[in-house]
Amino acid sequence: MEFEIVRDCSGIDWEEVAGILEEVGMGTLGADIRKVAFEASYAKVFLFNEGRLAGFGRALSDGVHEAAIYDVALRPECQGSGGGRIILEELLAAIPGVNFILYARPGKEGFYEKMGLSKMKTGMARFSNSDYMRQRGFTS
């Protein structure tokens, strides 16, 4: 599978972004919220395959010391194609020399470990939908 990499939000179908995230079990926030989140992010990556949105990810950062990666997702039919690796590599390269954190969907930690990230022993979270996140296995 060959991907075209886009690093800005122009021309993105936000309904499609929200739909992919819902399809892969990463939330039910609407297109308007997804648009604001991506547009406000320090770095963003969208992958297209044959003109169709295949996946994406984004990072928040101060640009000099810390960054957090969010919403790394690929359509189910694109998973295993190397697209996730491309998204992560693009985000890491967009903000060189900083510390990165992310939280992975339960069961996906192995992918991030292969990409050089390590599990944290001191990670903490406060979610607005805490019961839902606990049920999904994100928190204890």
Protein backbone atom coordinates (compact mmCIF):
# COMPACT_ATOMS: atom_id res chain seq x y z
CA MET A 1 0.00 0.00 0.00
CA GLU A 2 1.37 3.40 -0.98
CA PHE A 3 0.49 6.51 0.98
CA GLU A 4 0.40 10.20 0.24
CA ILE A 5 1.40 12.19 3.35
CA VAL A 6 -0.40 15.47 4.11
CA ARG A 7 0.77 17.61 7.02
CA ASP A 8 -1.99 20.23 7.19
CA CYS A 9 -5.75 20.29 7.66
CA SER A 10 -6.80 21.80 4.34
CA GLY A 11 -9.35 19.72 2.50
CA ILE A 12 -9.85 17.18 5.31
CA ASP A 13 -13.30 15.61 5.64
CA TRP A 14 -13.88 15.85 9.39
CA GLU A 15 -16.90 13.55 9.28
CA GLU A 16 -14.59 10.91 7.86
CA VAL A 17 -12.00 11.52 10.61
CA ALA A 18 -14.67 11.19 13.30
CA GLY A 19 -16.03 8.07 11.59
CA ILE A 20 -12.64 6.36 11.43
CA LEU A 21 -11.97 7.09 15.10
CA GLU A 22 -15.37 5.68 16.03
CA GLU A 23 -14.86 2.64 13.80
CA VAL A 24 -11.56 1.75 15.50
CA GLY A 25 -12.99 2.27 18.99
CA MET A 26 -11.30 5.57 19.77
CA GLY A 27 -14.26 7.72 20.72
CA THR A 28 -17.49 9.17 19.52
CA LEU A 29 -16.71 12.89 19.44
CA GLY A 30 -18.21 14.66 16.47
CA ALA A 31 -16.55 16.13 13.42
CA ASP A 32 -16.58 19.69 14.77
CA ILE A 33 -14.59 18.71 17.86
CA ARG A 34 -12.14 16.64 15.81
CA LYS A 35 -11.57 19.60 13.48
CA VAL A 36 -10.79 21.97 16.36
CA ALA A 37 -8.48 19.42 17.99
CA PHE A 38 -6.45 18.76 14.83
CA GLU A 39 -6.27 22.41 13.80
CA ALA A 40 -5.01 23.38 17.28
CA SER A 41 -2.32 20.69 17.26
CA TYR A 42 1.37 21.46 16.83
CA ALA A 43 1.81 18.69 14.25
CA LYS A 44 -0.63 16.61 12.30
CA VAL A 45 -0.32 13.88 9.68
CA PHE A 46 -2.95 12.52 7.33
CA LEU A 47 -2.33 9.51 5.09
CA PHE A 48 -4.22 8.99 1.86
CA ASN A 49 -4.26 5.87 -0.27
CA GLU A 50 -5.56 6.29 -3.82
CA GLY A 51 -7.17 9.59 -2.79
CA ARG A 52 -9.02 8.13 0.20
CA LEU A 53 -8.21 9.04 3.81
CA ALA A 54 -6.47 6.00 5.30
CA GLY A 55 -5.27 7.29 8.67
CA PHE A 56 -3.95 10.16 10.72
CA GLY A 57 -2.44 11.34 13.99
CA ARG A 58 -1.61 14.56 15.79
CA ALA A 59 0.72 15.94 18.46
CA LEU A 60 0.48 18.75 20.97
CA SER A 61 3.76 20.39 21.96
CA ASP A 62 5.58 23.42 23.29
CA GLY A 63 8.05 22.76 20.46
CA VAL A 64 11.15 22.65 22.66
CA HIS A 65 10.73 20.16 25.49
CA GLU A 66 7.49 18.16 25.66
CA ALA A 67 4.94 16.65 23.28
CA ALA A 68 1.93 14.36 23.48
CA ILE A 69 0.67 12.21 20.62
CA TYR A 70 -3.04 11.63 20.12
CA ASP A 71 -5.53 10.10 17.71
CA VAL A 72 -3.19 7.81 15.79
CA ALA A 73 -5.64 5.73 13.79
CA LEU A 74 -5.85 3.75 10.56
CA ARG A 75 -8.89 2.34 8.83
CA PRO A 76 -9.13 -1.35 9.74
CA GLU A 77 -8.40 -2.40 6.16
CA CYS A 78 -5.18 -0.33 6.23
CA GLN A 79 -3.86 -1.73 9.50
CA GLY A 80 -0.75 -3.84 9.05
CA SER A 81 0.28 -1.84 5.97
CA GLY A 82 2.99 0.25 7.64
CA GLY A 83 0.73 3.29 7.80
CA GLY A 84 0.82 3.49 11.61
CA ARG A 85 4.62 3.46 11.52
CA ILE A 86 4.61 6.27 8.94
CA ILE A 87 2.23 8.40 11.04
CA LEU A 88 4.27 7.94 14.19
CA GLU A 89 7.60 8.56 12.44
CA GLU A 90 6.23 11.74 10.86
CA LEU A 91 4.98 13.06 14.20
CA LEU A 92 8.26 12.26 15.97
CA ALA A 93 10.26 13.92 13.18
CA ALA A 94 8.05 17.04 13.24
CA ILE A 95 9.19 17.88 16.79
CA PRO A 96 12.78 16.65 17.14
CA GLY A 97 14.58 16.49 20.46
CA VAL A 98 11.52 16.59 22.74
CA ASN A 99 10.07 14.09 25.19
CA PHE A 100 6.96 12.34 23.88
CA ILE A 101 4.09 10.75 25.74
CA LEU A 102 0.94 9.07 24.45
CA TYR A 103 -1.73 6.78 25.68
CA ALA A 104 -2.47 3.75 23.58
CA ARG A 105 -5.72 1.97 23.07
CA PRO A 106 -5.57 -1.17 25.23
CA GLY A 107 -4.02 -3.97 23.20
CA LYS A 108 -1.99 -1.64 20.96
CA GLU A 109 0.92 -1.07 23.37
CA GLY A 110 3.12 -3.59 21.53
CA PHE A 111 3.06 -1.49 18.36
CA TYR A 112 4.35 1.56 20.22
CA GLU A 113 7.02 -0.49 22.01
CA LYS A 114 8.29 -1.67 18.60
CA MET A 115 8.50 2.01 17.62
CA GLY A 116 10.83 2.77 20.55
CA LEU A 117 8.36 4.03 23.15
CA SER A 118 8.36 2.60 26.66
CA LYS A 119 5.61 2.02 29.20
CA MET A 120 5.51 4.64 31.93
CA LYS A 121 5.27 3.67 35.59
CA THR A 122 3.99 7.05 36.75
CA GLY A 123 1.34 7.87 34.17
CA MET A 124 -1.84 9.37 35.54
CA ALA A 125 -5.02 10.57 33.86
CA ARG A 126 -8.20 12.45 34.57
CA PHE A 127 -10.85 11.91 31.92
CA SER A 128 -14.13 13.80 31.59
CA ASN A 129 -15.74 10.41 30.85
CA SER A 130 -13.89 8.49 33.58
CA ASP A 131 -16.38 5.59 33.88
CA TYR A 132 -16.24 4.95 30.13
CA MET A 133 -12.43 5.04 30.08
CA ARG A 134 -12.26 2.66 33.05
CA GLN A 135 -14.67 0.25 31.33
CA ARG A 136 -12.52 0.37 28.16
CA GLY A 137 -9.38 -0.54 30.14
CA PHE A 138 -7.57 2.81 29.96
CA THR A 139 -7.58 3.37 33.72
CA SER A 140 -7.88 1.28 36.84
